[in-house]
């Protein structure tokens, strides 16, 4: 995977200052570095506006809350940091913006949240980070992708609240690596009860008899793109619902698609080397792709990051 050459000179925001890609910027005792206490989301900048920005920021703040971060910045704090970063880099279009938050520095290497203090005993300030990159679409939406059924499971909500979007993505990373080893693009992950959960870094939906089904959000964070596609279904008159989906449901689908920020809905043409439906990207997937592209350019779905000033 090769990055856009323009990214070599991008400056990234860390607590009010700008640093280069590999410049040291956080303490060794940052809670995110020590114990994975880091939450994030990644909206896209398209033609001077950020698609579904408020939903992405709510995702971060929700994740910080359920992980008991002592201090959580306001939506305005995030917006000002994002705006400053884009202005610093003169970025206006085609940018993937990774926005991260950690609780701050710890006084000692303990998992206890009480350790997130300074030497005077005061609660640490959180670390707010903005990492923009020029990035195009990840998948070829016209040709579609291939999937495998992963041997790795998504943990269930009985273990820990899975709606946190944090950097504990080892299971998903292994599932993706498993797919790559087998020559596939990505994989489908099931939950411990045997129901479809998600794909690594993407939500999933299938189509059967003209109706779209997507798994309940129990074993993964809420998806901004997933919600956008449900809105698109409503506009297009496509019946859509959440459902518990078994491997048999998936195998009998007419269409199958991944739903992610970096490509919107992308059709899967093969699963475990067997064709899905006709073996081509299906008509409902194509219709949703077109509507998603229209949504990206529709001002009602995006935030004018350069046109407003928060107080």
C-alpha atoms as a PDB file:
ATOM      1  CA  UNK A   1       0.000   0.000   0.000  1.00  0.00           C
ATOM      2  CA  UNK A   2       1.603   3.244  -1.202  1.00  0.00           C
ATOM      3  CA  UNK A   3       0.689   6.598   0.311  1.00  0.00           C
ATOM      4  CA  UNK A   4       0.126   9.717  -1.763  1.00  0.00           C
ATOM      5  CA  UNK A   5       3.497  11.479  -2.097  1.00  0.00           C
ATOM      6  CA  UNK A   6       1.907  14.738  -0.900  1.00  0.00           C
ATOM      7  CA  UNK A   7       1.579  13.205   2.559  1.00  0.00           C
ATOM      8  CA  UNK A   8       5.329  13.404   3.137  1.00  0.00           C
ATOM      9  CA  UNK A   9       5.033  17.113   3.880  1.00  0.00           C
ATOM     10  CA  UNK A  10       1.732  17.079   5.805  1.00  0.00           C
ATOM     11  CA  UNK A  11       1.808  18.606   9.276  1.00  0.00           C
ATOM     12  CA  UNK A  12      -0.228  16.898  11.995  1.00  0.00           C
ATOM     13  CA  UNK A  13      -1.914  18.499  14.989  1.00  0.00           C
ATOM     14  CA  UNK A  14      -0.978  17.426  18.513  1.00  0.00           C
ATOM     15  CA  UNK A  15      -2.415  19.528  21.334  1.00  0.00           C
ATOM     16  CA  UNK A  16      -2.130  22.828  19.516  1.00  0.00           C
ATOM     17  CA  UNK A  17       1.180  22.336  17.741  1.00  0.00           C
ATOM     18  CA  UNK A  18       2.054  20.876  14.375  1.00  0.00           C
ATOM     19  CA  UNK A  19       4.527  18.075  13.789  1.00  0.00           C
ATOM     20  CA  UNK A  20       5.776  16.077  10.819  1.00  0.00           C
ATOM     21  CA  UNK A  21       4.817  12.460  10.139  1.00  0.00           C
ATOM     22  CA  UNK A  22       7.547  10.816  12.205  1.00  0.00           C
ATOM     23  CA  UNK A  23       8.375  13.550  14.682  1.00  0.00           C
ATOM     24  CA  UNK A  24       8.109  12.598  18.349  1.00  0.00           C
ATOM     25  CA  UNK A  25       5.022  14.254  19.748  1.00  0.00           C
ATOM     26  CA  UNK A  26       3.635  12.298  22.727  1.00  0.00           C
ATOM     27  CA  UNK A  27       5.043  11.261  26.068  1.00  0.00           C
ATOM     28  CA  UNK A  28       6.113   7.684  26.779  1.00  0.00           C
ATOM     29  CA  UNK A  29       3.599   7.864  29.601  1.00  0.00           C
ATOM     30  CA  UNK A  30       0.677   8.830  27.399  1.00  0.00           C
ATOM     31  CA  UNK A  31      -2.285   6.622  28.374  1.00  0.00           C
ATOM     32  CA  UNK A  32      -2.969   5.774  24.751  1.00  0.00           C
ATOM     33  CA  UNK A  33       0.578   4.522  24.234  1.00  0.00           C
ATOM     34  CA  UNK A  34       0.815   2.688  27.563  1.00  0.00           C
ATOM     35  CA  UNK A  35      -2.558   0.960  27.722  1.00  0.00           C
ATOM     36  CA  UNK A  36      -4.420   1.515  24.459  1.00  0.00           C
ATOM     37  CA  UNK A  37      -6.664   4.224  25.904  1.00  0.00           C
ATOM     38  CA  UNK A  38      -7.157   5.867  22.533  1.00  0.00           C
ATOM     39  CA  UNK A  39     -10.390   6.524  20.633  1.00  0.00           C
ATOM     40  CA  UNK A  40     -10.819   7.880  17.142  1.00  0.00           C
ATOM     41  CA  UNK A  41     -12.852   8.339  13.990  1.00  0.00           C
ATOM     42  CA  UNK A  42     -11.966   9.414  10.463  1.00  0.00           C
ATOM     43  CA  UNK A  43     -14.268  11.645   8.408  1.00  0.00           C
ATOM     44  CA  UNK A  44     -13.549  12.759   4.838  1.00  0.00           C
ATOM     45  CA  UNK A  45     -12.967  16.279   3.541  1.00  0.00           C
ATOM     46  CA  UNK A  46     -14.717  16.703   0.190  1.00  0.00           C
ATOM     47  CA  UNK A  47     -14.785  20.029  -1.634  1.00  0.00           C
ATOM     48  CA  UNK A  48     -14.205  22.203   1.455  1.00  0.00           C
ATOM     49  CA  UNK A  49     -16.739  20.318   3.588  1.00  0.00           C
ATOM     50  CA  UNK A  50     -16.503  17.349   5.962  1.00  0.00           C
ATOM     51  CA  UNK A  51     -19.020  14.574   5.391  1.00  0.00           C
ATOM     52  CA  UNK A  52     -21.075  13.673   8.479  1.00  0.00           C
ATOM     53  CA  UNK A  53     -18.627  15.453  10.783  1.00  0.00           C
ATOM     54  CA  UNK A  54     -21.000  15.715  13.739  1.00  0.00           C
ATOM     55  CA  UNK A  55     -21.666  11.958  13.642  1.00  0.00           C
ATOM     56  CA  UNK A  56     -17.940  11.212  13.628  1.00  0.00           C
ATOM     57  CA  UNK A  57     -17.321  13.523  16.581  1.00  0.00           C
ATOM     58  CA  UNK A  58     -20.206  11.962  18.517  1.00  0.00           C
ATOM     59  CA  UNK A  59     -18.592   8.575  17.867  1.00  0.00           C
ATOM     60  CA  UNK A  60     -15.333   9.787  19.432  1.00  0.00           C
ATOM     61  CA  UNK A  61     -16.986  11.443  22.415  1.00  0.00           C
ATOM     62  CA  UNK A  62     -19.210   8.391  23.032  1.00  0.00           C
ATOM     63  CA  UNK A  63     -16.159   6.131  22.939  1.00  0.00           C
ATOM     64  CA  UNK A  64     -14.278   8.381  25.351  1.00  0.00           C
ATOM     65  CA  UNK A  65     -17.236   8.401  27.742  1.00  0.00           C
ATOM     66  CA  UNK A  66     -17.663   4.623  27.930  1.00  0.00           C
ATOM     67  CA  UNK A  67     -13.905   4.305  28.472  1.00  0.00           C
ATOM     68  CA  UNK A  68     -14.188   6.759  31.383  1.00  0.00           C
ATOM     69  CA  UNK A  69     -11.813   9.421  30.066  1.00  0.00           C
ATOM     70  CA  UNK A  70     -11.489  11.975  32.898  1.00  0.00           C
ATOM     71  CA  UNK A  71     -11.789  14.956  30.519  1.00  0.00           C
ATOM     72  CA  UNK A  72     -13.518  14.958  27.131  1.00  0.00           C
ATOM     73  CA  UNK A  73     -13.129  17.949  24.784  1.00  0.00           C
ATOM     74  CA  UNK A  74     -16.244  19.620  23.420  1.00  0.00           C
ATOM     75  CA  UNK A  75     -17.385  19.285  19.827  1.00  0.00           C
ATOM     76  CA  UNK A  76     -16.175  22.854  19.309  1.00  0.00           C
ATOM     77  CA  UNK A  77     -12.684  21.910  20.526  1.00  0.00           C
ATOM     78  CA  UNK A  78     -12.487  19.127  17.944  1.00  0.00           C
ATOM     79  CA  UNK A  79     -13.783  21.346  15.151  1.00  0.00           C
ATOM     80  CA  UNK A  80     -11.267  24.100  15.876  1.00  0.00           C
ATOM     81  CA  UNK A  81      -8.398  21.588  15.892  1.00  0.00           C
ATOM     82  CA  UNK A  82      -9.543  20.066  12.585  1.00  0.00           C
ATOM     83  CA  UNK A  83     -10.007  23.473  10.967  1.00  0.00           C
ATOM     84  CA  UNK A  84      -6.575  24.673  12.100  1.00  0.00           C
ATOM     85  CA  UNK A  85      -4.936  21.517  10.745  1.00  0.00           C
ATOM     86  CA  UNK A  86      -6.568  21.782   7.334  1.00  0.00           C
ATOM     87  CA  UNK A  87      -5.652  25.464   7.074  1.00  0.00           C
ATOM     88  CA  UNK A  88      -2.070  24.703   8.117  1.00  0.00           C
ATOM     89  CA  UNK A  89      -1.803  22.187   5.278  1.00  0.00           C
ATOM     90  CA  UNK A  90      -3.920  24.138   2.753  1.00  0.00           C
ATOM     91  CA  UNK A  91      -6.099  21.061   2.291  1.00  0.00           C
ATOM     92  CA  UNK A  92      -9.517  21.481   0.674  1.00  0.00           C
ATOM     93  CA  UNK A  93     -10.479  18.164  -0.947  1.00  0.00           C
ATOM     94  CA  UNK A  94      -9.789  14.427  -1.066  1.00  0.00           C
ATOM     95  CA  UNK A  95      -8.553  14.151   2.509  1.00  0.00           C
ATOM     96  CA  UNK A  96      -9.028  11.389   5.078  1.00  0.00           C
ATOM     97  CA  UNK A  97      -8.896  13.008   8.544  1.00  0.00           C
ATOM     98  CA  UNK A  98      -8.024  10.714  11.415  1.00  0.00           C
ATOM     99  CA  UNK A  99      -9.067  12.398  14.672  1.00  0.00           C
ATOM    100  CA  UNK A 100      -7.762  10.768  17.854  1.00  0.00           C
ATOM    101  CA  UNK A 101      -8.117  11.342  21.562  1.00  0.00           C
ATOM    102  CA  UNK A 102      -6.234   9.905  24.527  1.00  0.00           C
ATOM    103  CA  UNK A 103      -6.916  10.756  28.196  1.00  0.00           C
ATOM    104  CA  UNK A 104      -3.457  12.325  28.555  1.00  0.00           C
ATOM    105  CA  UNK A 105      -0.298  11.545  30.466  1.00  0.00           C
ATOM    106  CA  UNK A 106      -0.022   9.153  33.393  1.00  0.00           C
ATOM    107  CA  UNK A 107       2.149   9.594  36.435  1.00  0.00           C
ATOM    108  CA  UNK A 108       2.937   5.863  36.478  1.00  0.00           C
ATOM    109  CA  UNK A 109       2.439   2.885  34.177  1.00  0.00           C
ATOM    110  CA  UNK A 110      -0.828   1.625  35.671  1.00  0.00           C
ATOM    111  CA  UNK A 111      -4.093   0.672  33.969  1.00  0.00           C
ATOM    112  CA  UNK A 112      -5.931   2.452  36.789  1.00  0.00           C
ATOM    113  CA  UNK A 113      -7.569   5.650  35.517  1.00  0.00           C
ATOM    114  CA  UNK A 114      -6.472   7.275  38.759  1.00  0.00           C
ATOM    115  CA  UNK A 115      -2.937   7.272  37.304  1.00  0.00           C
ATOM    116  CA  UNK A 116      -3.898   9.824  34.643  1.00  0.00           C
ATOM    117  CA  UNK A 117      -2.614  12.754  36.682  1.00  0.00           C
ATOM    118  CA  UNK A 118       0.458  14.967  36.849  1.00  0.00           C
ATOM    119  CA  UNK A 119       3.003  15.095  39.671  1.00  0.00           C
ATOM    120  CA  UNK A 120       0.891  17.674  41.490  1.00  0.00           C
ATOM    121  CA  UNK A 121      -2.036  15.229  41.515  1.00  0.00           C
ATOM    122  CA  UNK A 122      -4.129  17.191  39.023  1.00  0.00           C
ATOM    123  CA  UNK A 123      -6.058  15.357  36.284  1.00  0.00           C
ATOM    124  CA  UNK A 124      -4.142  15.367  33.022  1.00  0.00           C
ATOM    125  CA  UNK A 125      -5.357  17.256  29.993  1.00  0.00           C
ATOM    126  CA  UNK A 126      -6.432  14.947  27.147  1.00  0.00           C
ATOM    127  CA  UNK A 127      -4.327  14.645  24.018  1.00  0.00           C
ATOM    128  CA  UNK A 128      -6.220  15.687  20.889  1.00  0.00           C
ATOM    129  CA  UNK A 129      -4.585  14.660  17.627  1.00  0.00           C
ATOM    130  CA  UNK A 130      -5.567  15.366  14.012  1.00  0.00           C
ATOM    131  CA  UNK A 131      -3.820  13.391  11.261  1.00  0.00           C
ATOM    132  CA  UNK A 132      -4.953  14.330   7.735  1.00  0.00           C
ATOM    133  CA  UNK A 133      -3.878  12.379   4.670  1.00  0.00           C
ATOM    134  CA  UNK A 134      -4.567  12.624   0.981  1.00  0.00           C
ATOM    135  CA  UNK A 135      -6.272   9.303   0.247  1.00  0.00           C
ATOM    136  CA  UNK A 136      -8.453   8.064  -2.566  1.00  0.00           C
ATOM    137  CA  UNK A 137     -10.977   5.225  -2.553  1.00  0.00           C
ATOM    138  CA  UNK A 138      -9.683   1.972  -1.108  1.00  0.00           C
ATOM    139  CA  UNK A 139     -11.656  -0.423  -3.323  1.00  0.00           C
ATOM    140  CA  UNK A 140     -12.638  -0.675  -6.968  1.00  0.00           C
ATOM    141  CA  UNK A 141     -16.381  -0.229  -6.554  1.00  0.00           C
ATOM    142  CA  UNK A 142     -17.127  -1.149 -10.170  1.00  0.00           C
ATOM    143  CA  UNK A 143     -15.319  -4.498 -10.147  1.00  0.00           C
ATOM    144  CA  UNK A 144     -16.179  -5.378  -6.561  1.00  0.00           C
ATOM    145  CA  UNK A 145     -14.172  -7.347  -4.031  1.00  0.00           C
ATOM    146  CA  UNK A 146     -13.787 -10.899  -2.721  1.00  0.00           C
ATOM    147  CA  UNK A 147     -14.315 -12.020   0.854  1.00  0.00           C
ATOM    148  CA  UNK A 148     -13.625 -14.992   3.084  1.00  0.00           C
ATOM    149  CA  UNK A 149     -15.361 -16.144   6.240  1.00  0.00           C
ATOM    150  CA  UNK A 150     -12.861 -15.389   8.964  1.00  0.00           C
ATOM    151  CA  UNK A 151     -11.890 -17.924  11.603  1.00  0.00           C
ATOM    152  CA  UNK A 152     -11.713 -15.023  14.079  1.00  0.00           C
ATOM    153  CA  UNK A 153     -14.789 -13.926  16.027  1.00  0.00           C
ATOM    154  CA  UNK A 154     -15.833 -10.477  17.146  1.00  0.00           C
ATOM    155  CA  UNK A 155     -16.179 -10.361  20.945  1.00  0.00           C
ATOM    156  CA  UNK A 156     -19.751 -10.087  22.192  1.00  0.00           C
ATOM    157  CA  UNK A 157     -21.253  -7.296  24.316  1.00  0.00           C
ATOM    158  CA  UNK A 158     -21.356  -9.639  27.300  1.00  0.00           C
ATOM    159  CA  UNK A 159     -17.557  -9.274  27.506  1.00  0.00           C
ATOM    160  CA  UNK A 160     -17.291  -5.472  27.258  1.00  0.00           C
ATOM    161  CA  UNK A 161     -19.226  -2.707  25.511  1.00  0.00           C
ATOM    162  CA  UNK A 162     -18.149  -3.126  21.889  1.00  0.00           C
ATOM    163  CA  UNK A 163     -19.502   0.230  20.704  1.00  0.00           C
ATOM    164  CA  UNK A 164     -16.245   1.969  21.602  1.00  0.00           C
ATOM    165  CA  UNK A 165     -14.241   2.927  18.516  1.00  0.00           C
ATOM    166  CA  UNK A 166     -10.777   2.540  19.947  1.00  0.00           C
ATOM    167  CA  UNK A 167      -7.382   1.294  18.850  1.00  0.00           C
ATOM    168  CA  UNK A 168      -7.873  -2.244  20.168  1.00  0.00           C
ATOM    169  CA  UNK A 169      -8.210  -3.709  16.687  1.00  0.00           C
ATOM    170  CA  UNK A 170      -5.991  -6.779  16.922  1.00  0.00           C
ATOM    171  CA  UNK A 171      -8.786  -9.245  16.119  1.00  0.00           C
ATOM    172  CA  UNK A 172      -9.834  -7.265  13.058  1.00  0.00           C
ATOM    173  CA  UNK A 173      -6.224  -6.884  11.917  1.00  0.00           C
ATOM    174  CA  UNK A 174      -5.719 -10.639  12.137  1.00  0.00           C
ATOM    175  CA  UNK A 175      -8.942 -11.287  10.241  1.00  0.00           C
ATOM    176  CA  UNK A 176      -7.791  -8.943   7.493  1.00  0.00           C
ATOM    177  CA  UNK A 177      -4.350 -10.558   7.347  1.00  0.00           C
ATOM    178  CA  UNK A 178      -6.053 -13.962   7.121  1.00  0.00           C
ATOM    179  CA  UNK A 179      -8.038 -12.771   4.092  1.00  0.00           C
ATOM    180  CA  UNK A 180      -4.936 -11.391   2.393  1.00  0.00           C
ATOM    181  CA  UNK A 181      -3.068 -14.668   2.871  1.00  0.00           C
ATOM    182  CA  UNK A 182      -5.923 -16.457   1.109  1.00  0.00           C
ATOM    183  CA  UNK A 183      -5.966 -14.001  -1.779  1.00  0.00           C
ATOM    184  CA  UNK A 184      -9.173 -12.204  -0.760  1.00  0.00           C
ATOM    185  CA  UNK A 185      -9.810  -8.523  -0.193  1.00  0.00           C
ATOM    186  CA  UNK A 186     -11.325  -8.763   3.274  1.00  0.00           C
ATOM    187  CA  UNK A 187     -13.310 -11.062   5.534  1.00  0.00           C
ATOM    188  CA  UNK A 188     -16.611 -11.474   7.352  1.00  0.00           C
ATOM    189  CA  UNK A 189     -16.507 -11.833  11.121  1.00  0.00           C
ATOM    190  CA  UNK A 190     -19.254 -13.484  13.173  1.00  0.00           C
ATOM    191  CA  UNK A 191     -20.077 -13.002  16.847  1.00  0.00           C
ATOM    192  CA  UNK A 192     -19.919 -15.767  19.487  1.00  0.00           C
ATOM    193  CA  UNK A 193     -23.631 -16.566  18.901  1.00  0.00           C
ATOM    194  CA  UNK A 194     -22.992 -17.273  15.229  1.00  0.00           C
ATOM    195  CA  UNK A 195     -24.505 -14.090  13.805  1.00  0.00           C
ATOM    196  CA  UNK A 196     -22.779 -11.831  11.305  1.00  0.00           C
ATOM    197  CA  UNK A 197     -21.036  -8.929  13.052  1.00  0.00           C
ATOM    198  CA  UNK A 198     -18.877  -6.918  10.657  1.00  0.00           C
ATOM    199  CA  UNK A 199     -15.799  -6.937   8.443  1.00  0.00           C
ATOM    200  CA  UNK A 200     -12.455  -5.491   9.544  1.00  0.00           C
ATOM    201  CA  UNK A 201     -12.927  -1.693   9.499  1.00  0.00           C
ATOM    202  CA  UNK A 202     -16.316  -1.937   7.745  1.00  0.00           C
ATOM    203  CA  UNK A 203     -19.947  -2.699   8.431  1.00  0.00           C
ATOM    204  CA  UNK A 204     -21.774  -5.234   6.271  1.00  0.00           C
ATOM    205  CA  UNK A 205     -25.128  -5.455   4.516  1.00  0.00           C
ATOM    206  CA  UNK A 206     -26.746  -8.012   2.252  1.00  0.00           C
ATOM    207  CA  UNK A 207     -29.643  -7.914  -0.173  1.00  0.00           C
ATOM    208  CA  UNK A 208     -32.203 -10.658  -0.606  1.00  0.00           C
ATOM    209  CA  UNK A 209     -35.332 -10.353  -2.755  1.00  0.00           C
ATOM    210  CA  UNK A 210     -34.822  -6.609  -3.083  1.00  0.00           C
ATOM    211  CA  UNK A 211     -34.591  -5.935   0.667  1.00  0.00           C
ATOM    212  CA  UNK A 212     -31.442  -4.807   2.492  1.00  0.00           C
ATOM    213  CA  UNK A 213     -30.420  -6.392   5.810  1.00  0.00           C
ATOM    214  CA  UNK A 214     -27.594  -5.249   8.083  1.00  0.00           C
ATOM    215  CA  UNK A 215     -26.492  -6.777  11.408  1.00  0.00           C
ATOM    216  CA  UNK A 216     -27.506  -5.274  14.712  1.00  0.00           C
ATOM    217  CA  UNK A 217     -24.756  -3.098  16.190  1.00  0.00           C
ATOM    218  CA  UNK A 218     -23.831  -5.213  19.190  1.00  0.00           C
ATOM    219  CA  UNK A 219     -20.263  -6.321  18.536  1.00  0.00           C
ATOM    220  CA  UNK A 220     -18.806  -3.209  16.929  1.00  0.00           C
ATOM    221  CA  UNK A 221     -19.126   0.591  17.007  1.00  0.00           C
ATOM    222  CA  UNK A 222     -21.939   2.450  15.301  1.00  0.00           C
ATOM    223  CA  UNK A 223     -21.054   3.079  11.666  1.00  0.00           C
ATOM    224  CA  UNK A 224     -21.393   6.528  10.130  1.00  0.00           C
ATOM    225  CA  UNK A 225     -21.403   5.070   6.610  1.00  0.00           C
ATOM    226  CA  UNK A 226     -23.861   2.364   7.690  1.00  0.00           C
ATOM    227  CA  UNK A 227     -26.286   5.037   8.859  1.00  0.00           C
ATOM    228  CA  UNK A 228     -25.779   7.001   5.642  1.00  0.00           C
ATOM    229  CA  UNK A 229     -26.663   3.915   3.605  1.00  0.00           C
ATOM    230  CA  UNK A 230     -29.815   3.341   5.660  1.00  0.00           C
ATOM    231  CA  UNK A 231     -30.755   6.965   4.907  1.00  0.00           C
ATOM    232  CA  UNK A 232     -30.045   6.320   1.224  1.00  0.00           C
ATOM    233  CA  UNK A 233     -32.302   3.261   1.278  1.00  0.00           C
ATOM    234  CA  UNK A 234     -35.145   5.329   2.678  1.00  0.00           C
ATOM    235  CA  UNK A 235     -34.702   7.959  -0.036  1.00  0.00           C
ATOM    236  CA  UNK A 236     -34.555   5.346  -2.812  1.00  0.00           C
ATOM    237  CA  UNK A 237     -37.523   3.392  -1.487  1.00  0.00           C
ATOM    238  CA  UNK A 238     -35.417   0.312  -0.693  1.00  0.00           C
ATOM    239  CA  UNK A 239     -36.800  -1.616   2.272  1.00  0.00           C
ATOM    240  CA  UNK A 240     -34.060  -1.976   4.898  1.00  0.00           C
ATOM    241  CA  UNK A 241     -33.812  -3.364   8.405  1.00  0.00           C
ATOM    242  CA  UNK A 242     -31.443  -4.691  11.056  1.00  0.00           C
ATOM    243  CA  UNK A 243     -31.422  -8.449  11.555  1.00  0.00           C
ATOM    244  CA  UNK A 244     -29.551 -11.372  13.073  1.00  0.00           C
ATOM    245  CA  UNK A 245     -27.887 -12.895  10.000  1.00  0.00           C
ATOM    246  CA  UNK A 246     -26.568 -16.449   9.915  1.00  0.00           C
ATOM    247  CA  UNK A 247     -24.001 -17.968   7.535  1.00  0.00           C
ATOM    248  CA  UNK A 248     -26.930 -19.480   5.620  1.00  0.00           C
ATOM    249  CA  UNK A 249     -28.475 -16.011   5.196  1.00  0.00           C
ATOM    250  CA  UNK A 250     -25.164 -14.716   3.859  1.00  0.00           C
ATOM    251  CA  UNK A 251     -24.655 -17.684   1.512  1.00  0.00           C
ATOM    252  CA  UNK A 252     -28.141 -17.209   0.025  1.00  0.00           C
ATOM    253  CA  UNK A 253     -27.802 -13.443  -0.469  1.00  0.00           C
ATOM    254  CA  UNK A 254     -28.379 -11.910  -3.896  1.00  0.00           C
ATOM    255  CA  UNK A 255     -25.922  -9.120  -3.076  1.00  0.00           C
ATOM    256  CA  UNK A 256     -23.380  -8.519  -0.330  1.00  0.00           C
ATOM    257  CA  UNK A 257     -21.588  -5.279   0.427  1.00  0.00           C
ATOM    258  CA  UNK A 258     -19.157  -3.666   2.840  1.00  0.00           C
ATOM    259  CA  UNK A 259     -19.951  -0.198   4.192  1.00  0.00           C
ATOM    260  CA  UNK A 260     -16.951   1.946   5.060  1.00  0.00           C
ATOM    261  CA  UNK A 261     -15.838   5.565   5.023  1.00  0.00           C
ATOM    262  CA  UNK A 262     -13.127   4.993   2.442  1.00  0.00           C
ATOM    263  CA  UNK A 263     -15.387   3.615  -0.310  1.00  0.00           C
ATOM    264  CA  UNK A 264     -18.999   3.865   0.786  1.00  0.00           C
ATOM    265  CA  UNK A 265     -20.903   0.703  -0.211  1.00  0.00           C
ATOM    266  CA  UNK A 266     -18.661  -1.708  -2.144  1.00  0.00           C
ATOM    267  CA  UNK A 267     -20.066  -4.906  -3.580  1.00  0.00           C
ATOM    268  CA  UNK A 268     -18.552  -8.303  -2.838  1.00  0.00           C
ATOM    269  CA  UNK A 269     -18.769 -10.641  -5.827  1.00  0.00           C
ATOM    270  CA  UNK A 270     -17.315 -13.774  -4.190  1.00  0.00           C
ATOM    271  CA  UNK A 271     -17.308 -15.292  -0.709  1.00  0.00           C
ATOM    272  CA  UNK A 272     -14.989 -18.190   0.087  1.00  0.00           C
ATOM    273  CA  UNK A 273     -14.299 -18.472  -3.669  1.00  0.00           C
ATOM    274  CA  UNK A 274     -17.988 -18.949  -4.447  1.00  0.00           C
ATOM    275  CA  UNK A 275     -19.997 -16.340  -6.409  1.00  0.00           C
ATOM    276  CA  UNK A 276     -22.507 -14.202  -4.559  1.00  0.00           C
ATOM    277  CA  UNK A 277     -25.695 -13.993  -6.587  1.00  0.00           C
ATOM    278  CA  UNK A 278     -24.681 -13.401 -10.201  1.00  0.00           C
ATOM    279  CA  UNK A 279     -21.011 -12.983  -9.285  1.00  0.00           C
ATOM    280  CA  UNK A 280     -21.198  -9.317 -10.264  1.00  0.00           C
ATOM    281  CA  UNK A 281     -21.834  -6.119  -8.318  1.00  0.00           C
ATOM    282  CA  UNK A 282     -25.625  -6.099  -7.974  1.00  0.00           C
ATOM    283  CA  UNK A 283     -28.148  -3.451  -8.996  1.00  0.00           C
ATOM    284  CA  UNK A 284     -29.091  -2.330  -5.479  1.00  0.00           C
ATOM    285  CA  UNK A 285     -25.434  -1.986  -4.534  1.00  0.00           C
ATOM    286  CA  UNK A 286     -24.916   0.120  -7.682  1.00  0.00           C
ATOM    287  CA  UNK A 287     -27.934   2.289  -6.851  1.00  0.00           C
ATOM    288  CA  UNK A 288     -26.630   2.845  -3.314  1.00  0.00           C
ATOM    289  CA  UNK A 289     -23.168   3.673  -4.637  1.00  0.00           C
ATOM    290  CA  UNK A 290     -24.648   6.374  -6.856  1.00  0.00           C
ATOM    291  CA  UNK A 291     -26.786   7.787  -4.053  1.00  0.00           C
ATOM    292  CA  UNK A 292     -23.839   7.740  -1.642  1.00  0.00           C
ATOM    293  CA  UNK A 293     -21.749   9.736  -4.130  1.00  0.00           C
ATOM    294  CA  UNK A 294     -24.586  12.258  -4.370  1.00  0.00           C
ATOM    295  CA  UNK A 295     -24.764  12.477  -0.565  1.00  0.00           C
ATOM    296  CA  UNK A 296     -21.043  13.223  -0.379  1.00  0.00           C
ATOM    297  CA  UNK A 297     -21.593  16.352  -2.463  1.00  0.00           C
ATOM    298  CA  UNK A 298     -24.871  17.389  -0.844  1.00  0.00           C
ATOM    299  CA  UNK A 299     -24.321  20.265   1.647  1.00  0.00           C
ATOM    300  CA  UNK A 300     -27.080  18.989   3.938  1.00  0.00           C
ATOM    301  CA  UNK A 301     -24.895  15.972   4.801  1.00  0.00           C
ATOM    302  CA  UNK A 302     -21.638  17.822   5.432  1.00  0.00           C
ATOM    303  CA  UNK A 303     -20.088  20.477   7.631  1.00  0.00           C
ATOM    304  CA  UNK A 304     -18.655  23.725   6.161  1.00  0.00           C
ATOM    305  CA  UNK A 305     -15.405  23.532   8.086  1.00  0.00           C
ATOM    306  CA  UNK A 306     -13.936  26.737   6.660  1.00  0.00           C
ATOM    307  CA  UNK A 307     -17.111  28.847   6.701  1.00  0.00           C
ATOM    308  CA  UNK A 308     -18.035  28.843  10.380  1.00  0.00           C
ATOM    309  CA  UNK A 309     -16.315  29.834  13.582  1.00  0.00           C
ATOM    310  CA  UNK A 310     -17.235  28.112  16.836  1.00  0.00           C
ATOM    311  CA  UNK A 311     -17.393  30.039  20.072  1.00  0.00           C
END
